[in-house]
Amino acid sequence: MEQDEVCFVGLPDEEDDFDFTESFTMVKAELEAQLVEEAKLNQVILENLAKVKLQWSRKP
Protein backbone atom coordinates (compact mmCIF):
# COMPACT_ATOMS: atom_id res chain seq x y z
CA MET A 1 0.00 0.00 0.00
CA GLU A 2 1.33 3.39 -0.98
CA GLN A 3 1.71 6.09 1.65
CA ASP A 4 -1.03 8.29 0.07
CA GLU A 5 -3.67 5.56 0.26
CA VAL A 6 -6.16 5.51 3.12
CA CYS A 7 -7.33 2.23 4.53
CA PHE A 8 -10.71 2.10 6.30
CA VAL A 9 -11.66 -0.58 8.76
CA GLY A 10 -15.44 -0.85 8.88
CA LEU A 11 -17.74 1.60 7.18
CA PRO A 12 -16.59 5.09 6.30
CA ASP A 13 -18.25 7.98 8.06
CA GLU A 14 -20.97 9.52 5.94
CA GLU A 15 -22.63 12.86 6.23
CA ASP A 16 -25.61 12.57 8.54
CA ASP A 17 -28.54 14.19 6.78
CA PHE A 18 -30.96 13.38 9.63
CA ASP A 19 -33.07 16.43 10.45
CA PHE A 20 -34.18 16.06 14.06
CA THR A 21 -36.55 19.02 13.95
CA GLU A 22 -38.33 17.72 10.87
CA SER A 23 -38.56 14.17 12.23
CA PHE A 24 -39.76 15.35 15.64
CA THR A 25 -42.39 17.58 14.05
CA MET A 26 -43.72 14.66 12.00
CA VAL A 27 -43.79 12.29 14.97
CA LYS A 28 -45.48 14.92 17.14
CA ALA A 29 -48.16 15.54 14.50
CA GLU A 30 -48.78 11.80 14.18
CA LEU A 31 -49.11 11.46 17.97
CA GLU A 32 -51.54 14.38 18.13
CA ALA A 33 -53.68 12.80 15.40
CA GLN A 34 -53.65 9.49 17.28
CA LEU A 35 -54.73 11.23 20.49
CA VAL A 36 -57.67 12.82 18.67
CA GLU A 37 -58.64 9.43 17.25
CA GLU A 38 -58.31 7.89 20.72
CA ALA A 39 -60.71 10.45 22.18
CA LYS A 40 -63.26 9.69 19.44
CA LEU A 41 -62.97 5.95 19.98
CA ASN A 42 -63.26 6.33 23.75
CA GLN A 43 -66.49 8.27 23.27
CA VAL A 44 -67.91 5.56 20.98
CA ILE A 45 -66.96 2.91 23.52
CA LEU A 46 -68.67 4.81 26.34
CA GLU A 47 -71.81 5.27 24.25
CA ASN A 48 -71.89 1.57 23.39
CA LEU A 49 -71.33 0.55 27.01
CA ALA A 50 -74.26 2.74 28.05
CA LYS A 51 -76.49 0.65 25.75
CA VAL A 52 -75.56 -2.62 27.42
CA LYS A 53 -78.22 -3.87 29.81
CA LEU A 54 -77.23 -6.53 32.28
CA GLN A 55 -79.71 -8.65 34.12
CA TRP A 56 -78.64 -10.77 37.00
CA SER A 57 -80.76 -13.67 38.03
CA ARG A 58 -80.06 -15.80 41.01
CA LYS A 59 -80.89 -19.45 40.65
CA PRO A 60 -82.00 -21.20 43.83
C-alpha atoms as a PDB file:
ATOM      1  CA  MET A   1       0.000   0.000   0.000  1.00  0.00           C
ATOM      2  CA  GLU A   2       1.331   3.394  -0.981  1.00  0.00           C
ATOM      3  CA  GLN A   3       1.714   6.090   1.645  1.00  0.00           C
ATOM      4  CA  ASP A   4      -1.028   8.292   0.067  1.00  0.00           C
ATOM      5  CA  GLU A   5      -3.672   5.559   0.256  1.00  0.00           C
ATOM      6  CA  VAL A   6      -6.156   5.513   3.119  1.00  0.00           C
ATOM      7  CA  CYS A   7      -7.333   2.228   4.533  1.00  0.00           C
ATOM      8  CA  PHE A   8     -10.710   2.103   6.304  1.00  0.00           C
ATOM      9  CA  VAL A   9     -11.662  -0.575   8.757  1.00  0.00           C
ATOM     10  CA  GLY A  10     -15.439  -0.849   8.878  1.00  0.00           C
ATOM     11  CA  LEU A  11     -17.740   1.599   7.180  1.00  0.00           C
ATOM     12  CA  PRO A  12     -16.590   5.085   6.298  1.00  0.00           C
ATOM     13  CA  ASP A  13     -18.250   7.976   8.058  1.00  0.00           C
ATOM     14  CA  GLU A  14     -20.969   9.522   5.938  1.00  0.00           C
ATOM     15  CA  GLU A  15     -22.629  12.863   6.231  1.00  0.00           C
ATOM     16  CA  ASP A  16     -25.607  12.573   8.540  1.00  0.00           C
ATOM     17  CA  ASP A  17     -28.541  14.187   6.781  1.00  0.00           C
ATOM     18  CA  PHE A  18     -30.961  13.382   9.627  1.00  0.00           C
ATOM     19  CA  ASP A  19     -33.071  16.427  10.450  1.00  0.00           C
ATOM     20  CA  PHE A  20     -34.183  16.056  14.059  1.00  0.00           C
ATOM     21  CA  THR A  21     -36.548  19.023  13.954  1.00  0.00           C
ATOM     22  CA  GLU A  22     -38.329  17.719  10.868  1.00  0.00           C
ATOM     23  CA  SER A  23     -38.564  14.174  12.234  1.00  0.00           C
ATOM     24  CA  PHE A  24     -39.757  15.349  15.644  1.00  0.00           C
ATOM     25  CA  THR A  25     -42.388  17.584  14.048  1.00  0.00           C
ATOM     26  CA  MET A  26     -43.718  14.662  11.997  1.00  0.00           C
ATOM     27  CA  VAL A  27     -43.791  12.290  14.971  1.00  0.00           C
ATOM     28  CA  LYS A  28     -45.479  14.920  17.142  1.00  0.00           C
ATOM     29  CA  ALA A  29     -48.160  15.544  14.497  1.00  0.00           C
ATOM     30  CA  GLU A  30     -48.778  11.801  14.184  1.00  0.00           C
ATOM     31  CA  LEU A  31     -49.106  11.464  17.966  1.00  0.00           C
ATOM     32  CA  GLU A  32     -51.539  14.378  18.132  1.00  0.00           C
ATOM     33  CA  ALA A  33     -53.679  12.798  15.399  1.00  0.00           C
ATOM     34  CA  GLN A  34     -53.652   9.488  17.277  1.00  0.00           C
ATOM     35  CA  LEU A  35     -54.730  11.230  20.486  1.00  0.00           C
ATOM     36  CA  VAL A  36     -57.671  12.822  18.668  1.00  0.00           C
ATOM     37  CA  GLU A  37     -58.639   9.427  17.254  1.00  0.00           C
ATOM     38  CA  GLU A  38     -58.305   7.888  20.716  1.00  0.00           C
ATOM     39  CA  ALA A  39     -60.711  10.453  22.176  1.00  0.00           C
ATOM     40  CA  LYS A  40     -63.262   9.694  19.441  1.00  0.00           C
ATOM     41  CA  LEU A  41     -62.973   5.951  19.976  1.00  0.00           C
ATOM     42  CA  ASN A  42     -63.259   6.330  23.749  1.00  0.00           C
ATOM     43  CA  GLN A  43     -66.488   8.272  23.265  1.00  0.00           C
ATOM     44  CA  VAL A  44     -67.905   5.564  20.979  1.00  0.00           C
ATOM     45  CA  ILE A  45     -66.958   2.908  23.522  1.00  0.00           C
ATOM     46  CA  LEU A  46     -68.666   4.808  26.339  1.00  0.00           C
ATOM     47  CA  GLU A  47     -71.808   5.268  24.247  1.00  0.00           C
ATOM     48  CA  ASN A  48     -71.888   1.570  23.393  1.00  0.00           C
ATOM     49  CA  LEU A  49     -71.328   0.552  27.007  1.00  0.00           C
ATOM     50  CA  ALA A  50     -74.262   2.738  28.049  1.00  0.00           C
ATOM     51  CA  LYS A  51     -76.486   0.654  25.749  1.00  0.00           C
ATOM     52  CA  VAL A  52     -75.561  -2.616  27.415  1.00  0.00           C
ATOM     53  CA  LYS A  53     -78.219  -3.874  29.810  1.00  0.00           C
ATOM     54  CA  LEU A  54     -77.226  -6.530  32.279  1.00  0.00           C
ATOM     55  CA  GLN A  55     -79.710  -8.654  34.123  1.00  0.00           C
ATOM     56  CA  TRP A  56     -78.638 -10.771  36.997  1.00  0.00           C
ATOM     57  CA  SER A  57     -80.756 -13.665  38.035  1.00  0.00           C
ATOM     58  CA  ARG A  58     -80.061 -15.797  41.015  1.00  0.00           C
ATOM     59  CA  LYS A  59     -80.892 -19.452  40.646  1.00  0.00           C
ATOM     60  CA  PRO A  60     -81.996 -21.200  43.832  1.00  0.00           C
END
